Amino acid sequence: MKRATRRGLFAASGAVLAMPALAQRAWPDRPVTLLVPYAAGGSNDVVARLLAPKLQAILGQSFVVENRTGAGGSIGTAAVARGATDGTLFLVSSASNHVMYPIVSPGSIPDPREAFAGVSMLVDVPLALTVANRLGVSDLNGLLALLKREPGKHSFASSGVGGSQHLAGELFAMKAGVEIVHVPYRGGGPALNDLVAGQVSLAFLNLPTALPQGEAGTVKILAVAGERRSALKPDIPTVAEAGVPGFGVRSWTALFAPRATPPEIVTRMSAAVRECLTDPATKARLAELGTEAEPSAPAELDRFVREEFDLWTPVIRAAKVTAQ
């Protein structure tokens, strides 16, 4: 299967990356910013804040995480695309803002396939179908029965229009034959807050975002959206297993640099990221958060992004999703 093949591509990339000597100046010689285009508390933010101190230890320079939110992640994404190209600015990006939103809203940002150089895939992030406790449902069949009894009366939250969480909800409604209203937020953290408060009925949230509240009992995680169960929570079924055949959506987080960033800096940063992600302690911590470390070479990530555009463009067109 195409998706499995691409995952294998990253797993097979075990070769040590070459690190040519940097021309002009040693890098990094100034603080480096990892820009997250979503609010604090979401999965991109969690991964960035885990990696920042480890990259600092490896590269000997300060790494700062900055959150710049809005417009489905496009504000922060565009800021990096047009930002410094001296190795002091990188984008912690995801399927939502890097692939899906540009398809939903053409021209909203420079084409990511041209504007960015891939540094490394970071993690695969499972999506979790999560519901508010006020619904009183304990499994997917109960949720489906409720939604079919009350069409159009329930809403689903997402981290923004055109992102993986939004499109997961749209695909779920189509596959399950239910009517639910989309409510976009400025990140997974704010979406979860309103889900806990019962302001929305359900959401497809990144598992690292939803898991703490799920374990605390403030929301209920009914299923994971991927094609396979999460290694962290193998007792949670997939949406397809639980009652919606043919459903499968996955999310990811990766690191990118502005395209004009010197390739030797991109290569060195990629090697440092690989060192972080292959560290047993880091891998264990990521697993606790419900993610799987997936380091890759820069060229592999560039190829993967092009494949993601090929995959999601027809899906978005069929669902008639447009920017609001």
Protein backbone atom coordinates (compact mmCIF):
# COMPACT_ATOMS: atom_id res chain seq x y z
CA MET A 1 0.00 0.00 0.00
CA LYS A 2 1.31 3.44 -0.83
CA ARG A 3 1.11 4.80 2.72
CA ALA A 4 2.89 1.78 4.15
CA THR A 5 5.57 2.11 1.50
CA ARG A 6 6.26 5.68 2.52
CA ARG A 7 6.49 4.73 6.18
CA GLY A 8 8.97 2.04 5.23
CA LEU A 9 10.98 4.65 3.40
CA PHE A 10 11.64 6.50 6.64
CA ALA A 11 12.30 3.34 8.62
CA ALA A 12 14.84 2.20 6.07
CA SER A 13 16.74 5.45 6.23
CA GLY A 14 19.34 4.37 8.73
CA ALA A 15 22.44 5.54 6.97
CA VAL A 16 24.53 8.16 8.73
CA LEU A 17 24.01 11.53 7.07
CA ALA A 18 27.08 13.26 5.74
CA MET A 19 27.91 16.58 7.39
CA PRO A 20 30.06 18.71 5.08
CA ALA A 21 31.98 21.52 6.68
CA LEU A 22 29.94 24.69 6.92
CA ALA A 23 31.16 27.52 4.73
CA GLN A 24 31.51 31.11 5.88
CA ARG A 25 30.76 30.57 9.58
CA ALA A 26 30.25 27.91 12.18
CA TRP A 27 26.60 26.98 12.66
CA PRO A 28 24.76 27.56 14.87
CA ASP A 29 26.42 30.67 16.26
CA ARG A 30 23.17 32.35 17.33
CA PRO A 31 19.92 31.19 19.00
CA VAL A 32 17.70 29.07 16.76
CA THR A 33 13.90 29.35 16.67
CA LEU A 34 11.61 26.38 16.17
CA LEU A 35 8.35 27.99 15.08
CA VAL A 36 5.13 26.10 15.81
CA PRO A 37 2.16 27.45 13.80
CA TYR A 38 -0.35 26.35 16.44
CA ALA A 39 -1.17 27.25 20.04
CA ALA A 40 0.82 25.89 22.98
CA GLY A 41 -0.38 22.52 24.22
CA GLY A 42 -0.95 20.84 20.87
CA SER A 43 1.10 17.91 19.61
CA ASN A 44 3.43 19.98 17.40
CA ASP A 45 4.21 22.16 20.40
CA VAL A 46 4.77 19.15 22.68
CA VAL A 47 7.23 17.57 20.24
CA ALA A 48 9.06 20.87 19.65
CA ARG A 49 9.51 21.48 23.37
CA LEU A 50 10.80 17.95 23.87
CA LEU A 51 13.39 18.32 21.10
CA ALA A 52 14.57 21.89 21.80
CA PRO A 53 16.76 21.19 24.85
CA LYS A 54 18.16 18.04 23.23
CA LEU A 55 19.13 19.91 20.07
CA GLN A 56 20.69 22.59 22.26
CA ALA A 57 22.81 19.95 23.99
CA ILE A 58 23.92 18.44 20.67
CA LEU A 59 24.60 21.67 18.76
CA GLY A 60 25.74 23.89 21.63
CA GLN A 61 23.35 26.78 20.98
CA SER A 62 20.01 27.91 22.42
CA PHE A 63 16.86 26.57 20.77
CA VAL A 64 13.66 28.55 21.40
CA VAL A 65 10.11 27.40 20.65
CA GLU A 66 7.79 30.13 19.34
CA ASN A 67 4.04 29.72 18.80
CA ARG A 68 2.50 31.80 16.01
CA THR A 69 -1.13 30.84 15.45
CA GLY A 70 -3.98 31.50 13.07
CA ALA A 71 -5.62 30.61 9.74
CA GLY A 72 -5.15 26.85 9.94
CA GLY A 73 -1.47 27.25 10.72
CA SER A 74 -0.86 29.30 7.58
CA ILE A 75 0.24 32.46 9.41
CA GLY A 76 3.18 30.77 11.09
CA THR A 77 3.93 28.68 8.03
CA ALA A 78 4.08 31.74 5.78
CA ALA A 79 6.27 33.56 8.31
CA VAL A 80 8.91 30.84 8.08
CA ALA A 81 8.61 30.56 4.30
CA ARG A 82 9.47 34.26 4.07
CA GLY A 83 11.80 34.28 7.08
CA ALA A 84 15.51 34.11 7.77
CA THR A 85 17.49 31.66 5.64
CA ASP A 86 20.64 31.62 7.78
CA GLY A 87 19.75 28.56 9.86
CA THR A 88 18.17 30.49 12.73
CA LEU A 89 14.56 29.64 11.81
CA PHE A 90 12.82 26.31 11.29
CA LEU A 91 9.18 25.24 11.01
CA VAL A 92 7.70 22.42 13.09
CA SER A 93 5.02 21.51 10.57
CA SER A 94 2.27 18.95 10.07
CA ALA A 95 0.00 17.46 7.43
CA SER A 96 -2.66 20.02 8.33
CA ASN A 97 -0.82 23.26 7.70
CA HIS A 98 1.82 21.98 5.29
CA VAL A 99 -0.34 20.00 2.85
CA MET A 100 -4.07 20.17 3.53
CA TYR A 101 -4.62 23.86 4.17
CA PRO A 102 -2.69 24.96 1.06
CA ILE A 103 -4.99 22.70 -1.01
CA VAL A 104 -8.10 24.02 0.73
CA SER A 105 -6.99 27.64 0.38
CA PRO A 106 -4.79 27.98 -2.74
CA GLY A 107 -2.51 30.99 -2.58
CA SER A 108 -2.86 31.39 1.19
CA ILE A 109 0.84 30.65 1.57
CA PRO A 110 3.71 30.01 -0.84
CA ASP A 111 3.51 26.45 -2.19
CA PRO A 112 5.27 24.37 0.51
CA ARG A 113 6.76 22.09 -2.12
CA GLU A 114 8.72 25.09 -3.41
CA ALA A 115 9.02 27.29 -0.31
CA PHE A 116 10.55 24.77 2.09
CA ALA A 117 13.44 22.35 2.28
CA GLY A 118 12.70 19.20 4.23
CA VAL A 119 14.97 18.67 7.24
CA SER A 120 13.57 15.51 8.82
CA MET A 121 10.34 13.76 9.62
CA LEU A 122 9.88 13.91 13.38
CA VAL A 123 6.97 11.74 14.47
CA ASP A 124 3.85 9.97 13.33
CA VAL A 125 0.94 11.27 15.44
CA PRO A 126 -2.18 9.08 15.74
CA LEU A 127 -5.54 10.84 15.75
CA ALA A 128 -8.02 9.85 18.43
CA LEU A 129 -11.81 10.07 18.14
CA THR A 130 -12.60 11.78 21.44
CA VAL A 131 -16.05 12.68 22.82
CA ALA A 132 -17.41 14.90 25.58
CA ASN A 133 -18.54 13.12 28.73
CA ARG A 134 -21.92 14.85 28.54
CA LEU A 135 -22.85 12.63 25.58
CA GLY A 136 -22.94 9.60 27.86
CA VAL A 137 -21.60 7.21 25.21
CA SER A 138 -18.99 4.54 25.89
CA ASP A 139 -18.22 3.21 22.42
CA LEU A 140 -18.39 4.13 18.75
CA ASN A 141 -21.68 2.35 18.15
CA GLY A 142 -23.26 4.41 20.91
CA LEU A 143 -21.93 7.61 19.35
CA LEU A 144 -23.20 6.64 15.90
CA ALA A 145 -26.65 5.88 17.27
CA LEU A 146 -26.76 9.28 19.00
CA LEU A 147 -25.62 11.19 15.93
CA LYS A 148 -28.18 9.45 13.74
CA ARG A 149 -30.98 10.19 16.22
CA GLU A 150 -30.01 13.87 16.38
CA PRO A 151 -28.72 14.89 12.93
CA GLY A 152 -27.12 18.33 12.81
CA LYS A 153 -27.38 18.86 16.57
CA HIS A 154 -23.80 17.91 17.38
CA SER A 155 -20.50 19.56 16.51
CA PHE A 156 -16.92 18.43 16.10
CA ALA A 157 -13.89 20.53 16.95
CA SER A 158 -10.63 20.76 15.04
CA SER A 159 -7.38 22.72 15.13
CA GLY A 160 -8.42 24.68 12.02
CA VAL A 161 -10.16 24.60 8.64
CA GLY A 162 -8.64 22.18 6.16
CA GLY A 163 -6.36 20.39 8.62
CA SER A 164 -6.12 16.66 9.29
CA GLN A 165 -8.47 16.94 12.28
CA HIS A 166 -11.08 18.78 10.19
CA LEU A 167 -10.80 16.40 7.25
CA ALA A 168 -10.92 13.40 9.56
CA GLY A 169 -14.24 14.69 10.86
CA GLU A 170 -15.58 15.30 7.37
CA LEU A 171 -14.50 11.86 6.21
CA PHE A 172 -16.00 10.30 9.34
CA ALA A 173 -19.36 12.00 8.66
CA MET A 174 -19.30 10.82 5.05
CA LYS A 175 -18.33 7.24 5.85
CA ALA A 176 -20.72 6.93 8.83
CA GLY A 177 -23.64 8.68 7.16
CA VAL A 178 -24.10 11.26 9.92
CA GLU A 179 -24.49 15.05 10.00
CA ILE A 180 -22.18 16.97 12.35
CA VAL A 181 -21.16 20.63 12.37
CA HIS A 182 -17.51 21.65 12.15
CA VAL A 183 -16.14 24.15 14.71
CA PRO A 184 -12.53 25.24 14.01
CA TYR A 185 -10.12 26.40 16.74
CA ARG A 186 -6.61 27.84 16.77
CA GLY A 187 -4.97 24.57 17.74
CA GLY A 188 -5.61 21.23 19.37
CA GLY A 189 -5.21 22.62 22.90
CA PRO A 190 -8.11 25.10 22.68
CA ALA A 191 -10.26 22.51 20.90
CA LEU A 192 -9.67 20.05 23.73
CA ASN A 193 -10.52 22.67 26.34
CA ASP A 194 -13.99 23.19 24.85
CA LEU A 195 -14.46 19.45 24.45
CA VAL A 196 -13.73 18.96 28.16
CA ALA A 197 -16.21 21.76 28.93
CA GLY A 198 -18.85 20.11 26.74
CA GLN A 199 -19.10 23.04 24.32
CA VAL A 200 -18.57 20.63 21.40
CA SER A 201 -19.53 16.96 21.15
CA LEU A 202 -16.50 15.29 19.62
CA ALA A 203 -13.15 15.81 17.95
CA PHE A 204 -10.41 13.96 16.14
CA LEU A 205 -7.51 15.12 18.27
CA ASN A 206 -3.87 14.15 18.15
CA LEU A 207 -3.45 11.35 20.68
CA PRO A 208 -0.70 13.17 22.65
CA THR A 209 -3.13 16.06 23.13
CA ALA A 210 -6.14 13.95 24.12
CA LEU A 211 -4.48 11.20 26.14
CA PRO A 212 -3.90 13.01 29.47
CA GLN A 213 -7.53 14.14 29.62
CA GLY A 214 -8.70 10.71 28.51
CA GLU A 215 -6.73 9.04 31.29
CA ALA A 216 -8.06 11.62 33.76
CA GLY A 217 -11.61 10.75 32.75
CA THR A 218 -12.59 14.25 31.61
CA VAL A 219 -13.22 13.03 28.03
CA LYS A 220 -13.70 9.61 26.45
CA ILE A 221 -11.41 8.27 23.72
CA LEU A 222 -13.46 5.87 21.59
CA ALA A 223 -11.08 4.91 18.78
CA VAL A 224 -7.92 5.83 16.89
CA ALA A 225 -8.20 7.05 13.32
CA GLY A 226 -5.23 5.27 11.75
CA GLU A 227 -5.04 2.07 9.84
CA ARG A 228 -3.56 0.28 12.84
CA ARG A 229 -3.85 0.54 16.61
CA SER A 230 -1.52 2.69 18.67
CA ALA A 231 1.33 0.77 20.29
CA LEU A 232 0.80 2.90 23.38
CA LYS A 233 -2.89 2.01 23.73
CA PRO A 234 -3.41 -1.25 21.83
CA ASP A 235 -6.71 -1.80 23.64
CA ILE A 236 -8.28 1.15 21.81
CA PRO A 237 -9.74 -0.04 18.48
CA THR A 238 -9.40 1.77 15.18
CA VAL A 239 -12.45 3.59 13.84
CA ALA A 240 -12.64 1.00 11.06
CA GLU A 241 -12.61 -1.86 13.56
CA ALA A 242 -15.17 -0.19 15.79
CA GLY A 243 -17.83 0.31 13.17
CA VAL A 244 -16.90 2.59 10.23
CA PRO A 245 -15.24 0.37 7.59
CA GLY A 246 -12.85 2.01 5.16
CA PHE A 247 -11.98 4.90 7.46
CA GLY A 248 -8.31 5.68 7.99
CA VAL A 249 -6.55 9.00 8.61
CA ARG A 250 -3.06 9.64 9.93
CA SER A 251 -1.19 12.71 11.04
CA TRP A 252 2.51 13.58 11.19
CA THR A 253 4.93 16.24 12.38
CA ALA A 254 8.12 17.18 10.51
CA LEU A 255 10.82 19.83 10.49
CA PHE A 256 11.40 22.21 7.57
CA ALA A 257 13.66 25.14 6.73
CA PRO A 258 13.10 28.01 4.31
CA ARG A 259 14.13 26.73 0.87
CA ALA A 260 17.13 29.09 0.55
CA THR A 261 18.71 27.84 3.79
CA PRO A 262 22.22 26.55 2.93
CA PRO A 263 22.06 22.79 2.30
CA GLU A 264 24.98 22.14 4.64
CA ILE A 265 22.95 23.64 7.51
CA VAL A 266 19.91 21.55 6.54
CA THR A 267 22.08 18.43 6.50
CA ARG A 268 23.65 19.14 9.87
CA MET A 269 20.28 19.92 11.45
CA SER A 270 18.86 16.71 10.01
CA ALA A 271 21.71 14.71 11.53
CA ALA A 272 21.14 16.36 14.92
CA VAL A 273 17.42 15.56 14.75
CA ARG A 274 18.21 11.94 13.91
CA GLU A 275 20.52 11.78 16.93
CA CYS A 276 17.70 13.09 19.11
CA LEU A 277 15.05 10.74 17.75
CA THR A 278 17.17 7.60 17.91
CA ASP A 279 18.10 8.24 21.54
CA PRO A 280 16.36 5.50 23.59
CA ALA A 281 15.16 7.94 26.25
CA THR A 282 13.65 10.26 23.65
CA LYS A 283 11.98 7.38 21.83
CA ALA A 284 10.51 6.14 25.10
CA ARG A 285 9.18 9.59 25.99
CA LEU A 286 7.62 10.00 22.54
CA ALA A 287 5.99 6.60 22.89
CA GLU A 288 4.52 7.68 26.21
CA LEU A 289 3.00 10.63 24.37
CA GLY A 290 1.44 8.33 21.80
CA THR A 291 3.82 9.15 18.95
CA GLU A 292 6.37 7.15 16.97
CA ALA A 293 9.78 8.60 16.12
CA GLU A 294 10.30 8.73 12.34
CA PRO A 295 13.59 10.45 11.39
CA SER A 296 14.29 10.82 7.68
CA ALA A 297 16.80 12.34 5.30
CA PRO A 298 15.95 15.75 3.77
CA ALA A 299 15.38 14.39 0.25
CA GLU A 300 13.06 11.70 1.57
CA LEU A 301 10.93 14.28 3.35
CA ASP A 302 10.70 16.44 0.23
CA ARG A 303 9.51 13.42 -1.74
CA PHE A 304 7.01 12.49 0.99
CA VAL A 305 5.47 15.99 0.92
CA ARG A 306 4.90 15.73 -2.83
CA GLU A 307 3.20 12.37 -2.31
CA GLU A 308 0.98 13.85 0.40
CA PHE A 309 -0.23 16.51 -2.01
CA ASP A 310 -1.04 13.78 -4.53
CA LEU A 311 -2.94 11.84 -1.86
CA TRP A 312 -5.02 14.62 -0.31
CA THR A 313 -5.89 16.80 -3.29
CA PRO A 314 -8.63 14.49 -4.65
CA VAL A 315 -10.01 13.86 -1.14
CA ILE A 316 -10.39 17.57 -0.42
CA ARG A 317 -11.96 18.23 -3.80
CA ALA A 318 -14.48 15.42 -3.27
CA ALA A 319 -15.42 16.74 0.17
CA LYS A 320 -15.74 20.29 -1.25
CA VAL A 321 -13.80 21.74 1.67
CA THR A 322 -12.99 25.43 1.25
CA ALA A 323 -11.41 28.04 3.49
CA GLN A 324 -13.86 30.06 5.57
